[in-house]
C-alpha cells in the first residue's frame, strides 16, 4: 500500500511539474502575443495619423489649385481689358 502511495505521489509531482512548465510556457506565449498586439496597435495608430495627414495635404493641394486657378482667371481678365 505504501509503495502504491509513493508511486501515486511521484505521478502527482510529475503532473504538477508538467502543469507548472505548461503554465510558464503559456504565460510566455501570452506575453509575446500581447507584445505583438501592442506593436500592431502602434502601427495602426501611426497609419491612421498618416492617413489623416495625407487627407490634409490633399485638401491643401486642392485649395492651392483653386487659388492658382482664380489668380489665372484674374490675369486673363486683366489681359482682356
N, C-alpha and C. Protein backbone atom coordinates (compact mmCIF):
# COMPACT_ATOMS: atom_id res chain seq x y z
N UNK A 1 0.82 -1.19 0.00
CA UNK A 1 0.00 0.00 0.00
C UNK A 1 0.87 1.26 0.00
N UNK A 2 1.92 1.25 0.84
CA UNK A 2 2.80 2.42 0.91
C UNK A 2 3.53 2.60 -0.41
N UNK A 3 3.85 1.48 -1.06
CA UNK A 3 4.53 1.56 -2.36
C UNK A 3 3.61 2.19 -3.40
N UNK A 4 2.35 1.83 -3.41
CA UNK A 4 1.38 2.41 -4.33
C UNK A 4 1.17 3.89 -4.06
N UNK A 5 1.18 4.24 -2.79
CA UNK A 5 1.02 5.64 -2.41
C UNK A 5 2.23 6.46 -2.86
N UNK A 6 3.41 5.89 -2.73
CA UNK A 6 4.64 6.57 -3.16
C UNK A 6 4.62 6.79 -4.67
N UNK A 7 4.21 5.77 -5.40
CA UNK A 7 4.13 5.89 -6.86
C UNK A 7 3.11 6.97 -7.26
N UNK A 8 2.00 6.95 -6.56
CA UNK A 8 0.96 7.94 -6.86
C UNK A 8 1.46 9.36 -6.57
N UNK A 9 2.19 9.53 -5.46
CA UNK A 9 2.75 10.84 -5.13
C UNK A 9 3.76 11.29 -6.19
N UNK A 10 4.58 10.33 -6.66
CA UNK A 10 5.55 10.65 -7.71
C UNK A 10 4.83 11.08 -8.99
N UNK A 11 3.75 10.39 -9.32
CA UNK A 11 2.97 10.75 -10.51
C UNK A 11 2.36 12.14 -10.35
N UNK A 12 1.85 12.42 -9.17
CA UNK A 12 1.28 13.73 -8.92
C UNK A 12 2.33 14.83 -9.00
N UNK A 13 3.52 14.55 -8.48
CA UNK A 13 4.61 15.52 -8.56
C UNK A 13 4.99 15.79 -10.02
N UNK A 14 5.08 14.71 -10.81
CA UNK A 14 5.39 14.88 -12.23
C UNK A 14 4.30 15.68 -12.93
N UNK A 15 3.07 15.37 -12.62
CA UNK A 15 1.95 16.10 -13.22
C UNK A 15 1.99 17.57 -12.82
N UNK A 16 2.30 17.83 -11.56
CA UNK A 16 2.38 19.21 -11.08
C UNK A 16 3.51 19.95 -11.78
N UNK A 17 4.66 19.29 -11.97
CA UNK A 17 5.80 19.90 -12.68
C UNK A 17 5.43 20.20 -14.13
N UNK A 18 4.78 19.23 -14.79
CA UNK A 18 4.36 19.44 -16.19
C UNK A 18 3.37 20.60 -16.27
N UNK A 19 2.45 20.64 -15.31
CA UNK A 19 1.47 21.73 -15.30
C UNK A 19 2.17 23.08 -15.10
N UNK A 20 3.13 23.13 -14.19
CA UNK A 20 3.87 24.37 -13.94
C UNK A 20 4.66 24.78 -15.19
N UNK A 21 5.28 23.82 -15.87
CA UNK A 21 6.02 24.11 -17.10
C UNK A 21 5.07 24.62 -18.19
N UNK A 22 3.92 24.00 -18.29
CA UNK A 22 2.94 24.42 -19.28
C UNK A 22 2.45 25.83 -18.99
N UNK A 23 2.19 26.11 -17.73
CA UNK A 23 1.75 27.45 -17.34
C UNK A 23 2.82 28.48 -17.68
N UNK A 24 4.07 28.16 -17.39
CA UNK A 24 5.17 29.07 -17.71
C UNK A 24 5.26 29.31 -19.21
N UNK A 25 5.15 28.24 -19.99
CA UNK A 25 5.21 28.36 -21.45
C UNK A 25 4.04 29.19 -21.98
N UNK A 26 2.86 28.94 -21.46
CA UNK A 26 1.68 29.68 -21.90
C UNK A 26 1.76 31.15 -21.52
N UNK A 27 2.32 31.45 -20.37
CA UNK A 27 2.50 32.85 -19.97
C UNK A 27 3.45 33.56 -20.91
N UNK A 28 4.55 32.87 -21.30
CA UNK A 28 5.49 33.46 -22.25
C UNK A 28 4.82 33.71 -23.59
N UNK A 29 4.03 32.74 -24.04
CA UNK A 29 3.30 32.90 -25.30
C UNK A 29 2.32 34.07 -25.22
N UNK A 30 1.62 34.17 -24.09
CA UNK A 30 0.68 35.27 -23.90
C UNK A 30 1.41 36.61 -23.95
N UNK A 31 2.54 36.70 -23.24
CA UNK A 31 3.31 37.93 -23.22
C UNK A 31 3.81 38.30 -24.62
N UNK A 32 4.27 37.29 -25.37
CA UNK A 32 4.71 37.55 -26.74
C UNK A 32 3.55 38.04 -27.61
N UNK A 33 2.40 37.42 -27.46
CA UNK A 33 1.23 37.83 -28.24
C UNK A 33 0.78 39.23 -27.85
N UNK A 34 0.83 39.54 -26.56
CA UNK A 34 0.47 40.89 -26.12
C UNK A 34 1.41 41.92 -26.71
N UNK A 35 2.70 41.58 -26.76
CA UNK A 35 3.68 42.50 -27.34
C UNK A 35 3.39 42.70 -28.83
N UNK A 36 3.02 41.64 -29.52
CA UNK A 36 2.68 41.76 -30.94
C UNK A 36 1.45 42.63 -31.12
N UNK A 37 0.45 42.46 -30.27
CA UNK A 37 -0.77 43.26 -30.35
C UNK A 37 -0.44 44.74 -30.14
N UNK A 38 0.39 45.03 -29.15
CA UNK A 38 0.79 46.42 -28.90
C UNK A 38 1.52 46.98 -30.12
N UNK A 39 2.40 46.19 -30.70
CA UNK A 39 3.12 46.62 -31.90
C UNK A 39 2.18 46.90 -33.05
N UNK A 40 1.20 46.02 -33.25
CA UNK A 40 0.23 46.22 -34.32
C UNK A 40 -0.65 47.44 -34.06
N UNK A 41 -1.04 47.63 -32.80
CA UNK A 41 -1.85 48.80 -32.47
C UNK A 41 -1.06 50.08 -32.72
N UNK A 42 0.23 50.07 -32.40
CA UNK A 42 1.08 51.23 -32.64
C UNK A 42 1.18 51.52 -34.14
N UNK A 43 1.39 50.46 -34.93
CA UNK A 43 1.46 50.63 -36.38
C UNK A 43 0.14 51.15 -36.93
N UNK A 44 -0.96 50.62 -36.42
CA UNK A 44 -2.27 51.05 -36.88
C UNK A 44 -2.51 52.52 -36.54
N UNK A 45 -2.12 52.90 -35.33
CA UNK A 45 -2.27 54.30 -34.91
C UNK A 45 -1.43 55.21 -35.80
N UNK A 46 -0.22 54.76 -36.10
CA UNK A 46 0.68 55.53 -36.97
C UNK A 46 0.08 55.65 -38.37
N UNK A 47 -0.48 54.55 -38.87
CA UNK A 47 -1.11 54.56 -40.20
C UNK A 47 -2.30 55.50 -40.22
N UNK A 48 -3.09 55.51 -39.15
CA UNK A 48 -4.23 56.43 -39.07
C UNK A 48 -3.76 57.88 -39.13
N UNK A 49 -2.68 58.17 -38.42
CA UNK A 49 -2.12 59.52 -38.44
C UNK A 49 -1.64 59.90 -39.83
N UNK A 50 -1.01 58.94 -40.52
CA UNK A 50 -0.52 59.21 -41.87
C UNK A 50 -1.70 59.42 -42.84
N UNK A 51 -2.77 58.64 -42.66
CA UNK A 51 -3.96 58.82 -43.50
C UNK A 51 -4.56 60.21 -43.29
N UNK A 52 -4.62 60.63 -42.04
CA UNK A 52 -5.17 61.96 -41.74
C UNK A 52 -4.28 63.05 -42.34
N UNK A 53 -2.97 62.87 -42.23
CA UNK A 53 -2.04 63.85 -42.80
C UNK A 53 -2.18 63.88 -44.32
N UNK A 54 -2.32 62.73 -44.93
CA UNK A 54 -2.49 62.66 -46.38
C UNK A 54 -3.77 63.37 -46.81
N UNK A 55 -4.85 63.16 -46.07
CA UNK A 55 -6.12 63.84 -46.39
C UNK A 55 -5.96 65.36 -46.27
N UNK A 56 -5.24 65.79 -45.24
CA UNK A 56 -4.99 67.23 -45.06
C UNK A 56 -4.17 67.79 -46.22
N UNK A 57 -3.13 67.07 -46.61
CA UNK A 57 -2.29 67.52 -47.73
C UNK A 57 -3.08 67.56 -49.04
N UNK A 58 -3.95 66.59 -49.25
CA UNK A 58 -4.78 66.59 -50.46
C UNK A 58 -5.71 67.80 -50.47
N UNK A 59 -6.29 68.10 -49.32
CA UNK A 59 -7.18 69.26 -49.24
C UNK A 59 -6.40 70.55 -49.48
N UNK A 60 -5.20 70.64 -48.89
CA UNK A 60 -4.38 71.83 -49.10
C UNK A 60 -4.01 71.98 -50.57
N UNK A 61 -3.68 70.88 -51.22
CA UNK A 61 -3.35 70.92 -52.65
C UNK A 61 -4.56 71.40 -53.45
N UNK A 62 -5.72 70.89 -53.12
CA UNK A 62 -6.96 71.30 -53.80
C UNK A 62 -7.19 72.80 -53.62
N UNK A 63 -6.99 73.28 -52.39
CA UNK A 63 -7.16 74.71 -52.11
C UNK A 63 -6.17 75.56 -52.90
N UNK A 64 -4.92 75.12 -52.95
CA UNK A 64 -3.89 75.87 -53.68
C UNK A 64 -4.22 75.89 -55.17
N UNK A 65 -4.66 74.76 -55.70
CA UNK A 65 -5.02 74.71 -57.12
C UNK A 65 -6.19 75.66 -57.41
N UNK A 66 -7.15 75.72 -56.49
CA UNK A 66 -8.28 76.64 -56.66
C UNK A 66 -7.80 78.09 -56.64
N UNK A 67 -6.86 78.40 -55.76
CA UNK A 67 -6.32 79.76 -55.69
C UNK A 67 -5.56 80.11 -56.97
N UNK A 68 -4.76 79.16 -57.46
CA UNK A 68 -3.99 79.39 -58.69
C UNK A 68 -4.96 79.60 -59.85
N UNK A 69 -5.99 78.78 -59.91
CA UNK A 69 -7.00 78.92 -60.97
C UNK A 69 -7.66 80.31 -60.90
N UNK A 70 -7.98 80.73 -59.70
CA UNK A 70 -8.60 82.05 -59.51
C UNK A 70 -7.65 83.17 -59.96
N UNK A 71 -6.38 83.04 -59.61
CA UNK A 71 -5.38 84.05 -60.00
C UNK A 71 -5.23 84.08 -61.52
N UNK A 72 -5.20 82.90 -62.15
CA UNK A 72 -5.06 82.85 -63.60
C UNK A 72 -6.27 83.48 -64.29
N UNK A 73 -7.45 83.25 -63.76
CA UNK A 73 -8.66 83.86 -64.33
C UNK A 73 -8.60 85.39 -64.19
N UNK A 74 -8.12 85.87 -63.05
CA UNK A 74 -7.98 87.32 -62.84
C UNK A 74 -6.98 87.89 -63.85
N UNK A 75 -5.87 87.20 -64.08
CA UNK A 75 -4.87 87.65 -65.04
C UNK A 75 -5.45 87.68 -66.45
N UNK A 76 -6.24 86.68 -66.78
CA UNK A 76 -6.88 86.65 -68.10
C UNK A 76 -7.79 87.85 -68.26
N UNK A 77 -8.56 88.20 -67.24
CA UNK A 77 -9.46 89.36 -67.30
C UNK A 77 -8.66 90.66 -67.47
N UNK A 78 -7.51 90.75 -66.82
CA UNK A 78 -6.68 91.95 -66.94
C UNK A 78 -6.12 92.09 -68.36
N UNK A 79 -5.79 90.97 -68.98
CA UNK A 79 -5.24 91.00 -70.35
C UNK A 79 -6.32 91.42 -71.35
N UNK A 80 -7.56 91.01 -71.09
CA UNK A 80 -8.68 91.31 -72.00
C UNK A 80 -9.03 92.78 -71.91
N UNK A 81 -9.03 93.34 -70.79
CA UNK A 81 -9.48 94.73 -70.58
C UNK A 81 -8.45 95.68 -70.97
